[in-house]
N, C-alpha and C. Protein backbone atom coordinates (compact mmCIF):
# COMPACT_ATOMS: atom_id res chain seq x y z
N MET A 1 45.88 149.19 94.78
CA MET A 1 45.58 148.01 93.50
C MET A 1 47.02 147.86 92.15
N ASN A 2 46.34 149.67 91.10
CA ASN A 2 47.27 149.59 90.50
C ASN A 2 48.13 149.68 90.76
N LEU A 3 48.80 149.70 91.36
CA LEU A 3 51.02 149.16 92.41
C LEU A 3 51.08 148.36 92.12
N TYR A 4 50.33 147.31 91.88
CA TYR A 4 50.71 145.74 92.27
C TYR A 4 50.27 145.54 90.41
N ILE A 5 49.88 146.22 89.55
CA ILE A 5 49.62 145.73 87.95
C ILE A 5 51.09 146.31 88.27
N ASP A 6 51.52 147.32 87.86
CA ASP A 6 52.71 147.63 87.72
C ASP A 6 53.64 146.79 87.84
N ILE A 7 54.22 146.72 89.45
CA ILE A 7 55.04 145.86 89.79
C ILE A 7 54.97 144.57 88.66
N ALA A 8 54.15 144.05 89.12
CA ALA A 8 53.71 142.77 88.15
C ALA A 8 53.70 142.62 86.69
N LEU A 9 54.14 143.78 85.47
CA LEU A 9 53.96 144.36 84.79
C LEU A 9 55.54 144.55 84.77
N ILE A 10 56.07 144.46 85.25
CA ILE A 10 57.41 145.50 85.81
C ILE A 10 58.34 143.95 85.81
N ILE A 11 57.79 142.99 86.26
CA ILE A 11 58.79 141.78 86.47
C ILE A 11 58.09 140.55 85.59
N THR A 12 56.73 141.25 85.00
CA THR A 12 57.13 139.98 83.89
C THR A 12 57.28 140.00 82.47
N SER A 13 57.50 141.56 82.25
CA SER A 13 58.55 142.24 80.95
C SER A 13 59.82 141.70 81.58
N VAL A 14 60.25 141.58 81.71
CA VAL A 14 62.13 141.19 82.53
C VAL A 14 61.87 139.94 82.18
N ALA A 15 60.95 138.95 83.09
CA ALA A 15 60.98 137.72 82.24
C ALA A 15 60.88 137.36 81.09
N LEU A 16 59.65 137.65 80.27
CA LEU A 16 60.37 137.79 79.17
C LEU A 16 61.19 137.46 78.59
N ILE A 17 61.16 139.31 78.06
CA ILE A 17 62.39 139.72 77.83
C ILE A 17 63.86 138.31 77.89
N VAL A 18 63.77 138.24 79.46
CA VAL A 18 64.92 136.97 79.47
C VAL A 18 64.34 135.53 79.31
N SER A 19 62.97 135.16 79.03
CA SER A 19 62.94 133.89 77.77
C SER A 19 63.22 133.60 76.31
N VAL A 20 62.81 135.20 76.66
CA VAL A 20 63.58 135.09 75.07
C VAL A 20 64.87 135.32 74.62
N VAL A 21 65.55 135.39 75.03
CA VAL A 21 67.23 136.49 74.61
C VAL A 21 67.39 134.74 75.16
N LEU A 22 66.98 133.24 76.22
CA LEU A 22 67.67 133.00 75.78
C LEU A 22 67.51 131.16 74.98
N GLN A 23 66.83 131.64 74.13
CA GLN A 23 66.11 130.78 73.27
C GLN A 23 66.73 131.07 71.38
N ASN A 24 68.10 130.50 71.69
CA ASN A 24 69.21 130.73 71.05
C ASN A 24 68.95 130.12 69.52
N LYS A 25 67.22 130.69 68.33
CA LYS A 25 67.42 129.29 68.05
C LYS A 25 67.57 129.75 66.46
N GLY A 26 68.60 131.85 66.71
CA GLY A 26 67.92 132.63 65.64
C GLY A 26 69.74 132.45 65.38
N ILE A 27 70.21 133.89 64.45
CA ILE A 27 71.51 133.09 63.39
C ILE A 27 72.71 133.01 63.98
N GLY A 28 72.41 134.10 65.15
CA GLY A 28 73.61 133.71 66.49
C GLY A 28 74.89 133.73 66.00
N MET A 29 75.95 133.16 66.57
CA MET A 29 76.89 133.27 65.81
C MET A 29 77.64 132.07 64.35
N GLY A 30 76.98 131.75 64.08
CA GLY A 30 76.72 130.85 62.54
C GLY A 30 76.91 130.94 61.48
N GLY A 31 76.21 132.04 61.90
CA GLY A 31 75.64 133.28 60.61
C GLY A 31 77.47 134.18 59.81
N LEU A 32 77.98 134.10 61.06
CA LEU A 32 79.31 133.96 60.90
C LEU A 32 79.77 133.76 59.25
N THR A 33 80.54 132.65 59.58
CA THR A 33 81.09 131.20 59.36
C THR A 33 80.41 131.24 57.86
N GLY A 34 78.46 131.63 56.99
CA GLY A 34 78.61 131.65 56.01
C GLY A 34 77.91 130.40 55.85
N SER A 35 77.26 129.21 56.96
CA SER A 35 77.06 127.85 56.91
C SER A 35 75.39 128.30 57.32
N ASP A 36 74.07 127.63 56.51
CA ASP A 36 73.47 128.04 57.00
C ASP A 36 72.33 126.98 57.79
N SER A 37 72.04 127.44 59.45
CA SER A 37 72.14 127.13 60.22
C SER A 37 70.53 127.12 60.48
N GLY A 38 69.53 127.81 59.73
CA GLY A 38 68.59 127.48 59.56
C GLY A 38 67.54 127.40 59.19
N GLY A 39 68.86 126.07 58.06
CA GLY A 39 67.49 125.32 56.76
C GLY A 39 66.96 124.35 58.17
N MET A 40 67.00 123.61 58.50
CA MET A 40 66.92 122.01 59.14
C MET A 40 65.83 121.98 60.18
N PHE A 41 65.21 121.90 60.10
CA PHE A 41 63.80 122.07 61.35
C PHE A 41 64.32 120.99 62.79
N THR A 42 64.75 121.06 63.65
CA THR A 42 64.49 120.57 65.00
C THR A 42 63.24 120.36 65.81
N ALA A 43 63.09 119.54 66.30
CA ALA A 43 61.91 119.15 67.41
C ALA A 43 63.01 119.78 68.34
N ARG A 44 61.89 120.22 69.39
CA ARG A 44 62.04 120.70 70.33
C ARG A 44 62.49 120.33 71.53
N ARG A 45 62.94 119.82 72.77
CA ARG A 45 63.00 118.71 73.69
C ARG A 45 63.80 119.03 74.54
N GLY A 46 62.92 118.72 76.01
CA GLY A 46 64.06 119.33 76.70
C GLY A 46 63.61 120.73 77.58
N ILE A 47 64.81 121.17 78.48
CA ILE A 47 64.55 122.75 78.32
C ILE A 47 64.10 123.58 77.48
N GLU A 48 64.68 123.27 75.76
CA GLU A 48 63.51 124.74 75.15
C GLU A 48 62.49 124.08 74.80
N LYS A 49 61.65 123.00 74.90
CA LYS A 49 60.36 122.97 74.48
C LYS A 49 59.74 123.24 75.43
N THR A 50 60.65 123.72 77.30
CA THR A 50 60.29 124.43 78.81
C THR A 50 60.00 125.57 78.52
N LEU A 51 61.76 126.29 77.62
CA LEU A 51 61.01 128.19 77.48
C LEU A 51 60.29 127.96 76.45
N PHE A 52 60.32 126.87 76.03
CA PHE A 52 59.48 127.77 74.93
C PHE A 52 57.92 127.97 75.08
N TRP A 53 57.11 126.95 76.28
CA TRP A 53 56.10 127.10 76.19
C TRP A 53 56.44 128.42 77.70
N VAL A 54 57.50 128.82 78.20
CA VAL A 54 57.49 129.87 79.28
C VAL A 54 56.86 130.80 78.70
N THR A 55 57.86 130.72 77.23
CA THR A 55 57.90 132.33 76.86
C THR A 55 55.98 132.89 76.29
N ILE A 56 55.41 131.78 75.82
CA ILE A 56 54.29 131.98 75.29
C ILE A 56 53.26 131.98 76.72
N ILE A 57 53.29 131.22 77.96
CA ILE A 57 52.82 131.97 79.64
C ILE A 57 52.73 133.09 79.57
N LEU A 58 54.23 133.48 80.06
CA LEU A 58 54.35 135.09 79.48
C LEU A 58 54.06 136.52 78.97
N SER A 59 54.18 134.92 77.48
CA SER A 59 53.15 136.60 76.33
C SER A 59 51.80 136.64 77.48
N VAL A 60 51.14 136.15 77.32
CA VAL A 60 49.93 136.23 77.82
C VAL A 60 49.76 136.81 79.09
N LEU A 61 50.59 136.44 79.62
CA LEU A 61 50.50 138.09 81.03
C LEU A 61 50.43 138.52 80.93
N PHE A 62 51.80 139.15 80.55
CA PHE A 62 51.38 140.31 79.82
C PHE A 62 50.75 140.80 79.43
N PHE A 63 49.75 139.95 78.70
CA PHE A 63 48.53 140.55 77.58
C PHE A 63 48.22 141.10 78.26
N ILE A 64 47.17 140.19 79.17
CA ILE A 64 46.26 139.81 80.57
C ILE A 64 46.38 141.60 81.33
N LEU A 65 48.06 141.63 81.77
CA LEU A 65 48.34 142.29 82.60
C LEU A 65 48.22 143.92 81.84
N THR A 66 48.37 144.77 80.57
CA THR A 66 48.32 145.74 80.10
C THR A 66 46.59 145.92 80.04
N VAL A 67 46.25 145.05 79.16
CA VAL A 67 45.05 145.36 79.14
C VAL A 67 43.97 145.66 80.27
N THR A 68 44.43 144.82 81.98
CA THR A 68 43.83 144.79 83.11
C THR A 68 44.13 146.66 83.28
N ALA A 69 45.75 147.09 83.20
CA ALA A 69 46.06 148.09 83.92
C ALA A 69 45.02 149.52 82.89
N VAL A 70 45.09 149.06 81.47
CA VAL A 70 44.59 150.34 80.81
C VAL A 70 43.23 150.39 80.95
N ILE A 71 42.02 149.32 81.84
CA ILE A 71 40.55 149.17 81.69
C ILE A 71 40.75 149.74 83.22
N LEU A 72 41.96 149.75 83.89
CA LEU A 72 41.67 149.94 85.50
C LEU A 72 42.09 151.42 85.83
N GLU A 73 42.73 151.76 84.76
CA GLU A 73 43.44 153.43 84.33
C GLU A 73 42.46 154.49 83.81
N GLY A 74 41.97 153.62 83.28
CA GLY A 74 41.12 154.44 82.46
C GLY A 74 39.43 155.23 83.31
């Protein structure tokens, strides 16, 4: 049982890292030119909104799996 939770944790953590990296809301290359790219709010649409919700779901799943692994270990 513990092996399955460990494998699920690894898969979830890699997917969570990928989903966070794919969100390009940071400064990015626009910060190098001196322009203020983060000052304007834009609504999430399409794939950006889906990626946002996938990131939230993966983080909740990661938290639940981590707590479960700690409980089963102790």
